Every structure is written in C-alpha cells, then in structure tokens.
PDB file of N, CA and C in Angstrom:
ATOM      1  N   MET A   1     -15.574  90.790  91.149  1.00  0.00           N
ATOM      2  CA  MET A   1     -15.731  89.718  92.379  1.00  0.00           C
ATOM      3  C   MET A   1     -14.929  88.309  92.211  1.00  0.00           C
ATOM      4  N   MET A   2     -14.319  88.090  91.081  1.00  0.00           N
ATOM      5  CA  MET A   2     -13.533  86.995  90.755  1.00  0.00           C
ATOM      6  C   MET A   2     -11.653  86.953  91.158  1.00  0.00           C
ATOM      7  N   VAL A   3     -11.882  88.293  90.173  1.00  0.00           N
ATOM      8  CA  VAL A   3     -10.476  89.000  90.361  1.00  0.00           C
ATOM      9  C   VAL A   3      -9.876  89.480  91.898  1.00  0.00           C
ATOM     10  N   VAL A   4     -10.768  89.823  92.605  1.00  0.00           N
ATOM     11  CA  VAL A   4     -10.787  90.106  94.166  1.00  0.00           C
ATOM     12  C   VAL A   4     -10.226  88.935  94.845  1.00  0.00           C
ATOM     13  N   GLY A   5     -11.213  87.707  94.501  1.00  0.00           N
ATOM     14  CA  GLY A   5     -11.332  86.625  95.186  1.00  0.00           C
ATOM     15  C   GLY A   5      -9.776  85.954  94.893  1.00  0.00           C
ATOM     16  N   LEU A   6      -9.324  85.948  93.882  1.00  0.00           N
ATOM     17  CA  LEU A   6      -8.177  85.255  93.479  1.00  0.00           C
ATOM     18  C   LEU A   6      -7.047  86.322  93.941  1.00  0.00           C
ATOM     19  N   GLY A   7      -7.091  87.590  93.916  1.00  0.00           N
ATOM     20  CA  GLY A   7      -6.128  88.072  94.280  1.00  0.00           C
ATOM     21  C   GLY A   7      -5.775  87.863  96.139  1.00  0.00           C
ATOM     22  N   GLN A   8      -6.682  87.718  96.846  1.00  0.00           N
ATOM     23  CA  GLN A   8      -7.064  87.176  98.064  1.00  0.00           C
ATOM     24  C   GLN A   8      -5.981  85.584  98.412  1.00  0.00           C
ATOM     25  N   ALA A   9      -6.219  85.403  97.522  1.00  0.00           N
ATOM     26  CA  ALA A   9      -5.740  84.042  97.479  1.00  0.00           C
ATOM     27  C   ALA A   9      -4.257  83.885  97.051  1.00  0.00           C
ATOM     28  N   GLY A  10      -3.602  85.127  96.742  1.00  0.00           N
ATOM     29  CA  GLY A  10      -2.117  85.511  96.165  1.00  0.00           C
ATOM     30  C   GLY A  10      -2.031  85.163  94.262  1.00  0.00           C
ATOM     31  N   ILE A  11      -2.993  85.278  93.775  1.00  0.00           N
ATOM     32  CA  ILE A  11      -3.067  84.863  92.502  1.00  0.00           C
ATOM     33  C   ILE A  11      -3.506  86.098  91.185  1.00  0.00           C
ATOM     34  N   SER A  12      -2.632  86.487  91.011  1.00  0.00           N
ATOM     35  CA  SER A  12      -2.365  87.778  90.052  1.00  0.00           C
ATOM     36  C   SER A  12      -3.240  87.288  88.565  1.00  0.00           C
ATOM     37  N   CYS A  13      -4.132  88.509  87.922  1.00  0.00           N
ATOM     38  CA  CYS A  13      -4.737  88.180  86.729  1.00  0.00           C
ATOM     39  C   CYS A  13      -4.330  89.266  85.594  1.00  0.00           C
ATOM     40  N   LEU A  14      -4.419  88.907  84.485  1.00  0.00           N
ATOM     41  CA  LEU A  14      -4.341  90.224  83.327  1.00  0.00           C
ATOM     42  C   LEU A  14      -5.639  90.953  83.841  1.00  0.00           C
ATOM     43  N   LYS A  15      -5.138  92.358  83.598  1.00  0.00           N
ATOM     44  CA  LYS A  15      -6.113  93.309  83.665  1.00  0.00           C
ATOM     45  C   LYS A  15      -7.115  92.984  82.110  1.00  0.00           C
ATOM     46  N   GLY A  16      -8.397  93.422  82.783  1.00  0.00           N
ATOM     47  CA  GLY A  16      -9.165  93.526  81.616  1.00  0.00           C
ATOM     48  C   GLY A  16     -10.322  94.272  81.692  1.00  0.00           C
ATOM     49  N   ASN A  17     -10.941  94.722  81.159  1.00  0.00           N
ATOM     50  CA  ASN A  17     -12.562  95.575  80.786  1.00  0.00           C
ATOM     51  C   ASN A  17     -13.287  94.984  80.939  1.00  0.00           C
ATOM     52  N   ALA A  18     -13.691  93.686  80.550  1.00  0.00           N
ATOM     53  CA  ALA A  18     -14.880  93.160  80.106  1.00  0.00           C
ATOM     54  C   ALA A  18     -14.404  91.725  79.562  1.00  0.00           C
ATOM     55  N   GLY A  19     -15.320  90.633  79.679  1.00  0.00           N
ATOM     56  CA  GLY A  19     -15.298  89.600  79.376  1.00  0.00           C
ATOM     57  C   GLY A  19     -16.106  88.621  80.239  1.00  0.00           C
ATOM     58  N   LEU A  20     -15.818  87.435  79.566  1.00  0.00           N
ATOM     59  CA  LEU A  20     -16.633  86.174  80.172  1.00  0.00           C
ATOM     60  C   LEU A  20     -15.776  85.023  80.740  1.00  0.00           C
ATOM     61  N   PHE A  21     -14.388  85.546  81.143  1.00  0.00           N
ATOM     62  CA  PHE A  21     -13.322  84.801  81.631  1.00  0.00           C
ATOM     63  C   PHE A  21     -12.397  85.471  81.708  1.00  0.00           C
ATOM     64  N   SER A  22     -11.233  84.953  82.466  1.00  0.00           N
ATOM     65  CA  SER A  22     -10.210  85.859  83.249  1.00  0.00           C
ATOM     66  C   SER A  22      -8.606  84.905  83.055  1.00  0.00           C
ATOM     67  N   TRP A  23      -7.486  85.564  82.882  1.00  0.00           N
ATOM     68  CA  TRP A  23      -6.576  84.613  82.182  1.00  0.00           C
ATOM     69  C   TRP A  23      -5.627  84.804  83.893  1.00  0.00           C
ATOM     70  N   VAL A  24      -5.148  83.529  84.643  1.00  0.00           N
ATOM     71  CA  VAL A  24      -4.655  83.747  85.573  1.00  0.00           C
ATOM     72  C   VAL A  24      -3.686  83.188  85.834  1.00  0.00           C
ATOM     73  N   ASP A  25      -2.490  83.462  86.840  1.00  0.00           N
ATOM     74  CA  ASP A  25      -0.928  83.164  86.628  1.00  0.00           C
ATOM     75  C   ASP A  25      -0.960  82.399  87.757  1.00  0.00           C
ATOM     76  N   LEU A  26      -0.689  81.099  87.416  1.00  0.00           N
ATOM     77  CA  LEU A  26      -0.501  80.298  88.594  1.00  0.00           C
ATOM     78  C   LEU A  26       1.040  79.732  88.259  1.00  0.00           C
ATOM     79  N   ARG A  27       1.793  80.319  87.430  1.00  0.00           N
ATOM     80  CA  ARG A  27       3.778  79.900  87.108  1.00  0.00           C
ATOM     81  C   ARG A  27       3.940  79.547  88.616  1.00  0.00           C
ATOM     82  N   ASN A  28       3.877  79.923  89.513  1.00  0.00           N
ATOM     83  CA  ASN A  28       4.571  79.911  91.008  1.00  0.00           C
ATOM     84  C   ASN A  28       4.000  78.616  91.471  1.00  0.00           C
ATOM     85  N   HIS A  29       2.781  78.028  91.102  1.00  0.00           N
ATOM     86  CA  HIS A  29       2.791  76.595  91.468  1.00  0.00           C
ATOM     87  C   HIS A  29       3.165  75.484  90.931  1.00  0.00           C
ATOM     88  N   LEU A  30       3.619  75.716  89.690  1.00  0.00           N
ATOM     89  CA  LEU A  30       4.007  74.837  88.756  1.00  0.00           C
ATOM     90  C   LEU A  30       5.274  73.618  89.381  1.00  0.00           C
ATOM     91  N   SER A  31       5.296  72.634  89.431  1.00  0.00           N
ATOM     92  CA  SER A  31       6.773  71.942  89.841  1.00  0.00           C
ATOM     93  C   SER A  31       7.904  72.344  89.024  1.00  0.00           C
ATOM     94  N   SER A  32       7.831  72.526  87.752  1.00  0.00           N
ATOM     95  CA  SER A  32       8.515  72.901  86.608  1.00  0.00           C
ATOM     96  C   SER A  32       8.247  74.092  85.773  1.00  0.00           C
ATOM     97  N   ASN A  33       8.858  74.608  84.854  1.00  0.00           N
ATOM     98  CA  ASN A  33       8.444  75.632  84.014  1.00  0.00           C
ATOM     99  C   ASN A  33       8.015  74.728  82.109  1.00  0.00           C
ATOM    100  N   THR A  34       7.065  74.009  82.219  1.00  0.00           N
ATOM    101  CA  THR A  34       7.167  72.958  81.474  1.00  0.00           C
ATOM    102  C   THR A  34       5.193  72.764  80.979  1.00  0.00           C
ATOM    103  N   PHE A  35       4.809  72.717  80.165  1.00  0.00           N
ATOM    104  CA  PHE A  35       3.151  72.298  80.155  1.00  0.00           C
ATOM    105  C   PHE A  35       2.863  71.056  80.173  1.00  0.00           C
ATOM    106  N   THR A  36       4.175  70.784  80.739  1.00  0.00           N
ATOM    107  CA  THR A  36       3.955  68.853  81.349  1.00  0.00           C
ATOM    108  C   THR A  36       3.606  68.954  82.683  1.00  0.00           C
ATOM    109  N   ALA A  37       3.727  70.185  83.389  1.00  0.00           N
ATOM    110  CA  ALA A  37       3.755  70.569  84.536  1.00  0.00           C
ATOM    111  C   ALA A  37       2.860  71.661  84.726  1.00  0.00           C
ATOM    112  N   GLU A  38       2.349  72.030  83.972  1.00  0.00           N
ATOM    113  CA  GLU A  38       0.972  72.833  83.966  1.00  0.00           C
ATOM    114  C   GLU A  38      -0.269  71.557  83.724  1.00  0.00           C
ATOM    115  N   MET A  39       0.092  70.828  83.147  1.00  0.00           N
ATOM    116  CA  MET A  39      -1.087  69.725  82.885  1.00  0.00           C
ATOM    117  C   MET A  39      -1.366  68.836  84.318  1.00  0.00           C
ATOM    118  N   GLU A  40      -0.048  68.810  84.892  1.00  0.00           N
ATOM    119  CA  GLU A  40      -0.329  68.119  86.104  1.00  0.00           C
ATOM    120  C   GLU A  40      -0.447  68.717  87.200  1.00  0.00           C
ATOM    121  N   LEU A  41      -0.771  70.140  87.554  1.00  0.00           N
ATOM    122  CA  LEU A  41      -1.425  71.268  88.007  1.00  0.00           C
ATOM    123  C   LEU A  41      -2.816  71.204  87.899  1.00  0.00           C
ATOM    124  N   TRP A  42      -3.473  71.106  86.735  1.00  0.00           N
ATOM    125  CA  TRP A  42      -4.455  71.250  86.258  1.00  0.00           C
ATOM    126  C   TRP A  42      -5.278  69.971  86.584  1.00  0.00           C
ATOM    127  N   LYS A  43      -4.634  69.013  86.389  1.00  0.00           N
ATOM    128  CA  LYS A  43      -5.209  67.474  87.101  1.00  0.00           C
ATOM    129  C   LYS A  43      -5.672  67.603  88.441  1.00  0.00           C
ATOM    130  N   LYS A  44      -4.311  68.213  89.236  1.00  0.00           N
ATOM    131  CA  LYS A  44      -4.713  68.267  90.515  1.00  0.00           C
ATOM    132  C   LYS A  44      -5.655  69.310  91.063  1.00  0.00           C
ATOM    133  N   ILE A  45      -5.626  70.749  90.461  1.00  0.00           N
ATOM    134  CA  ILE A  45      -7.177  71.522  90.496  1.00  0.00           C
ATOM    135  C   ILE A  45      -8.510  70.694  90.283  1.00  0.00           C
ATOM    136  N   LEU A  46      -8.630  70.009  88.995  1.00  0.00           N
ATOM    137  CA  LEU A  46      -9.674  69.272  88.502  1.00  0.00           C
ATOM    138  C   LEU A  46     -10.115  67.735  90.011  1.00  0.00           C
ATOM    139  N   HIS A  47      -9.236  67.128  90.427  1.00  0.00           N
ATOM    140  CA  HIS A  47      -9.702  66.643  91.247  1.00  0.00           C
ATOM    141  C   HIS A  47      -9.550  66.751  92.519  1.00  0.00           C
ATOM    142  N   GLU A  48      -8.640  67.578  93.038  1.00  0.00           N
ATOM    143  CA  GLU A  48      -8.246  67.920  94.476  1.00  0.00           C
ATOM    144  C   GLU A  48      -9.159  68.997  94.959  1.00  0.00           C
ATOM    145  N   ALA A  49      -9.922  70.386  93.766  1.00  0.00           N
ATOM    146  CA  ALA A  49     -10.399  71.114  94.374  1.00  0.00           C
ATOM    147  C   ALA A  49     -11.706  71.118  93.701  1.00  0.00           C
ATOM    148  N   GLY A  50     -11.989  69.949  92.755  1.00  0.00           N
ATOM    149  CA  GLY A  50     -13.028  69.924  91.957  1.00  0.00           C
ATOM    150  C   GLY A  50     -13.489  71.227  91.007  1.00  0.00           C
ATOM    151  N   LEU A  51     -12.484  72.029  90.513  1.00  0.00           N
ATOM    152  CA  LEU A  51     -12.734  73.189  89.687  1.00  0.00           C
ATOM    153  C   LEU A  51     -12.159  72.999  88.121  1.00  0.00           C
ATOM    154  N   ASN A  52     -12.543  72.971  87.114  1.00  0.00           N
ATOM    155  CA  ASN A  52     -12.079  72.945  85.772  1.00  0.00           C
ATOM    156  C   ASN A  52     -12.027  74.185  85.147  1.00  0.00           C
ATOM    157  N   ILE A  53     -10.589  74.256  85.057  1.00  0.00           N
ATOM    158  CA  ILE A  53     -10.379  75.193  84.517  1.00  0.00           C
ATOM    159  C   ILE A  53      -9.544  75.325  83.210  1.00  0.00           C
ATOM    160  N   SER A  54      -9.368  75.905  82.413  1.00  0.00           N
ATOM    161  CA  SER A  54      -8.537  75.659  81.363  1.00  0.00           C
ATOM    162  C   SER A  54      -7.180  75.954  81.578  1.00  0.00           C
ATOM    163  N   PRO A  55      -6.280  74.954  81.268  1.00  0.00           N
ATOM    164  CA  PRO A  55      -4.624  75.257  80.902  1.00  0.00           C
ATOM    165  C   PRO A  55      -4.675  76.092  80.056  1.00  0.00           C
ATOM    166  N   GLY A  56      -3.502  77.183  79.809  1.00  0.00           N
ATOM    167  CA  GLY A  56      -3.153  77.423  78.900  1.00  0.00           C
ATOM    168  C   GLY A  56      -3.219  77.310  77.628  1.00  0.00           C
ATOM    169  N   ALA A  57      -2.255  75.983  77.863  1.00  0.00           N
ATOM    170  CA  ALA A  57      -1.952  75.256  76.450  1.00  0.00           C
ATOM    171  C   ALA A  57      -2.962  75.021  75.647  1.00  0.00           C
ATOM    172  N   SER A  58      -4.235  74.562  76.454  1.00  0.00           N
ATOM    173  CA  SER A  58      -5.703  74.543  75.565  1.00  0.00           C
ATOM    174  C   SER A  58      -5.935  75.526  74.822  1.00  0.00           C
ATOM    175  N   CYS A  59      -5.257  76.448  75.382  1.00  0.00           N
ATOM    176  CA  CYS A  59      -6.247  78.091  74.416  1.00  0.00           C
ATOM    177  C   CYS A  59      -4.644  78.272  73.677  1.00  0.00           C
ATOM    178  N   HIS A  60      -3.457  77.499  73.303  1.00  0.00           N
ATOM    179  CA  HIS A  60      -2.369  78.149  72.428  1.00  0.00           C
ATOM    180  C   HIS A  60      -1.279  78.952  72.998  1.00  0.00           C
ATOM    181  N   CYS A  61      -1.699  79.392  74.544  1.00  0.00           N
ATOM    182  CA  CYS A  61      -0.805  80.257  75.825  1.00  0.00           C
ATOM    183  C   CYS A  61       1.009  79.340  75.226  1.00  0.00           C
ATOM    184  N   THR A  62       1.716  80.600  74.660  1.00  0.00           N
ATOM    185  CA  THR A  62       3.012  80.161  74.664  1.00  0.00           C
ATOM    186  C   THR A  62       3.919  79.893  75.782  1.00  0.00           C
ATOM    187  N   GLU A  63       3.563  80.246  77.273  1.00  0.00           N
ATOM    188  CA  GLU A  63       4.225  80.055  78.200  1.00  0.00           C
ATOM    189  C   GLU A  63       3.323  79.341  79.078  1.00  0.00           C
ATOM    190  N   PRO A  64       3.828  78.381  79.956  1.00  0.00           N
ATOM    191  CA  PRO A  64       3.500  77.102  81.276  1.00  0.00           C
ATOM    192  C   PRO A  64       3.129  78.252  82.343  1.00  0.00           C
ATOM    193  N   GLY A  65       1.749  77.924  82.571  1.00  0.00           N
ATOM    194  CA  GLY A  65       1.387  78.499  84.053  1.00  0.00           C
ATOM    195  C   GLY A  65       0.355  79.603  83.944  1.00  0.00           C
ATOM    196  N   TRP A  66      -0.264  79.952  83.098  1.00  0.00           N
ATOM    197  CA  TRP A  66      -1.380  80.906  82.737  1.00  0.00           C
ATOM    198  C   TRP A  66      -2.589  79.676  82.283  1.00  0.00           C
ATOM    199  N   PHE A  67      -3.516  80.502  82.971  1.00  0.00           N
ATOM    200  CA  PHE A  67      -4.849  79.299  83.615  1.00  0.00           C
ATOM    201  C   PHE A  67      -5.981  80.401  83.114  1.00  0.00           C
ATOM    202  N   ARG A  68      -7.271  79.892  82.278  1.00  0.00           N
ATOM    203  CA  ARG A  68      -8.613  80.847  81.941  1.00  0.00           C
ATOM    204  C   ARG A  68      -9.589  80.317  82.804  1.00  0.00           C
ATOM    205  N   ILE A  69      -9.875  80.825  83.550  1.00  0.00           N
ATOM    206  CA  ILE A  69     -10.998  80.803  84.350  1.00  0.00           C
ATOM    207  C   ILE A  69     -12.370  81.522  83.580  1.00  0.00           C
ATOM    208  N   CYS A  70     -13.397  80.735  83.366  1.00  0.00           N
ATOM    209  CA  CYS A  70     -14.509  80.985  82.717  1.00  0.00           C
ATOM    210  C   CYS A  70     -15.316  81.270  83.787  1.00  0.00           C
ATOM    211  N   PHE A  71     -16.320  82.529  83.754  1.00  0.00           N
ATOM    212  CA  PHE A  71     -17.246  82.394  84.894  1.00  0.00           C
ATOM    213  C   PHE A  71     -18.437  83.246  84.535  1.00  0.00           C
ATOM    214  N   ALA A  72     -18.642  83.002  83.139  1.00  0.00           N
ATOM    215  CA  ALA A  72     -19.538  83.142  82.484  1.00  0.00           C
ATOM    216  C   ALA A  72     -21.012  82.191  82.662  1.00  0.00           C
ATOM    217  N   ASN A  73     -22.542  82.567  83.114  1.00  0.00           N
ATOM    218  CA  ASN A  73     -23.471  81.699  83.413  1.00  0.00           C
ATOM    219  C   ASN A  73     -23.054  81.187  84.658  1.00  0.00           C
ATOM    220  N   MET A  74     -22.349  82.123  85.758  1.00  0.00           N
ATOM    221  CA  MET A  74     -22.294  81.558  87.003  1.00  0.00           C
ATOM    222  C   MET A  74     -22.502  82.582  87.931  1.00  0.00           C
ATOM    223  N   SER A  75     -23.588  82.168  89.027  1.00  0.00           N
ATOM    224  CA  SER A  75     -24.543  82.726  90.051  1.00  0.00           C
ATOM    225  C   SER A  75     -23.216  83.240  90.795  1.00  0.00           C
ATOM    226  N   GLU A  76     -23.347  83.859  91.658  1.00  0.00           N
ATOM    227  CA  GLU A  76     -22.532  84.875  92.770  1.00  0.00           C
ATOM    228  C   GLU A  76     -22.084  84.235  93.362  1.00  0.00           C
ATOM    229  N   GLU A  77     -23.060  83.295  94.264  1.00  0.00           N
ATOM    230  CA  GLU A  77     -22.955  82.010  95.136  1.00  0.00           C
ATOM    231  C   GLU A  77     -21.926  81.218  94.483  1.00  0.00           C
ATOM    232  N   THR A  78     -21.546  80.601  93.717  1.00  0.00           N
ATOM    233  CA  THR A  78     -20.854  79.680  92.775  1.00  0.00           C
ATOM    234  C   THR A  78     -20.080  80.216  92.946  1.00  0.00           C
ATOM    235  N   LEU A  79     -19.821  81.379  92.286  1.00  0.00           N
ATOM    236  CA  LEU A  79     -18.316  82.354  92.127  1.00  0.00           C
ATOM    237  C   LEU A  79     -17.650  82.267  93.291  1.00  0.00           C
ATOM    238  N   LYS A  80     -18.091  82.818  94.771  1.00  0.00           N
ATOM    239  CA  LYS A  80     -17.961  82.253  95.459  1.00  0.00           C
ATOM    240  C   LYS A  80     -17.193  81.088  96.457  1.00  0.00           C
ATOM    241  N   VAL A  81     -18.202  80.320  96.182  1.00  0.00           N
ATOM    242  CA  VAL A  81     -17.331  78.672  96.632  1.00  0.00           C
ATOM    243  C   VAL A  81     -16.544  78.682  95.698  1.00  0.00           C
ATOM    244  N   SER A  82     -16.254  78.461  94.357  1.00  0.00           N
ATOM    245  CA  SER A  82     -15.428  78.752  93.444  1.00  0.00           C
ATOM    246  C   SER A  82     -14.066  79.352  94.299  1.00  0.00           C
ATOM    247  N   MET A  83     -14.262  80.451  94.623  1.00  0.00           N
ATOM    248  CA  MET A  83     -12.938  81.029  94.678  1.00  0.00           C
ATOM    249  C   MET A  83     -12.156  80.337  96.312  1.00  0.00           C
ATOM    250  N   GLU A  84     -13.344  80.204  97.053  1.00  0.00           N
ATOM    251  CA  GLU A  84     -12.836  79.431  98.388  1.00  0.00           C
ATOM    252  C   GLU A  84     -12.274  77.857  98.039  1.00  0.00           C
ATOM    253  N   ARG A  85     -12.640  77.351  97.331  1.00  0.00           N
ATOM    254  CA  ARG A  85     -12.322  75.774  97.013  1.00  0.00           C
ATOM    255  C   ARG A  85     -10.806  76.514  96.199  1.00  0.00           C
ATOM    256  N   MET A  86     -10.633  77.264  95.303  1.00  0.00           N
ATOM    257  CA  MET A  86      -9.267  77.754  94.873  1.00  0.00           C
ATOM    258  C   MET A  86      -8.500  77.994  95.832  1.00  0.00           C
ATOM    259  N   LYS A  87      -8.455  79.078  96.895  1.00  0.00           N
ATOM    260  CA  LYS A  87      -7.625  79.599  97.804  1.00  0.00           C
ATOM    261  C   LYS A  87      -7.285  78.195  98.794  1.00  0.00           C
ATOM    262  N   ALA A  88      -8.578  77.655  98.900  1.00  0.00           N
ATOM    263  CA  ALA A  88      -8.103  76.427 100.207  1.00  0.00           C
ATOM    264  C   ALA A  88      -7.090  75.267  99.603  1.00  0.00           C
ATOM    265  N   PHE A  89      -7.588  75.681  97.719  1.00  0.00           N
ATOM    266  CA  PHE A  89      -6.095  74.296  97.531  1.00  0.00           C
ATOM    267  C   PHE A  89      -4.871  75.213  97.524  1.00  0.00           C
ATOM    268  N   LEU A  90      -4.850  76.235  97.102  1.00  0.00           N
ATOM    269  CA  LEU A  90      -3.297  76.793  97.080  1.00  0.00           C
ATOM    270  C   LEU A  90      -2.708  76.632  98.401  1.00  0.00           C
ATOM    271  N   HIS A  91      -3.165  77.009  99.130  1.00  0.00           N
ATOM    272  CA  HIS A  91      -2.882  76.834 100.832  1.00  0.00           C
ATOM    273  C   HIS A  91      -2.327  75.700 101.270  1.00  0.00           C
ATOM    274  N   LYS A  92      -2.594  73.845 100.758  1.00  0.00           N
ATOM    275  CA  LYS A  92      -2.538  73.093 100.572  1.00  0.00           C
ATOM    276  C   LYS A  92      -1.136  72.797  99.858  1.00  0.00           C
ATOM    277  N   GLN A  93      -0.509  73.698  98.946  1.00  0.00           N
ATOM    278  CA  GLN A  93       0.493  73.159  98.422  1.00  0.00           C
ATOM    279  C   GLN A  93       1.653  74.205  98.901  1.00  0.00           C
TER     280      GLN A  93
END
C-alpha cells in the first residue's frame, strides 16, 4: 500500500519482500546532491507536511537523497493520510 501510494506521487522505492520500513528515493527533490540538501529537505517535509521520515545520512546511507519511511504500528487510515500529505508536499515543490 505504501509503495503504491508513493509510486502515485512519482517516488520510487527499493524493492523488498518484507520489513517495517521502505527506502524511498527523493534525490530528484534535493536542491543539490549533498547531505546538507538532504537535511534541508527533511526539515521541509517535517515542518510543511508534518511527516517525520528518516534522512539516509542518519542510517549511514552513502548517497544523499534516500530516506527511510517506517510504517510499523501504523493503521491503514494513517498510512493513507501520510501518503496524501507526501504527495501534496511534493506537488508543491
């Protein structure tokens, strides 16, 4: 459900077969290809969309622009709202 929702927003994810989170590719939404730009995007998503996703740098990702979205312990309705917020945020960018 989350991968489909993100796909509808134009965001690709790494393929997986199980887990509590997904790696999403937001490199195209960075102002530059740096971890500083990644942190700027994270702050915008946090404050403007009200979503707290993990920037890749906090998980030792070696390439800026990858974010980890955790969907553990989340109801289907909450997940739908989250995907709507992310889609709306990205369409404003």
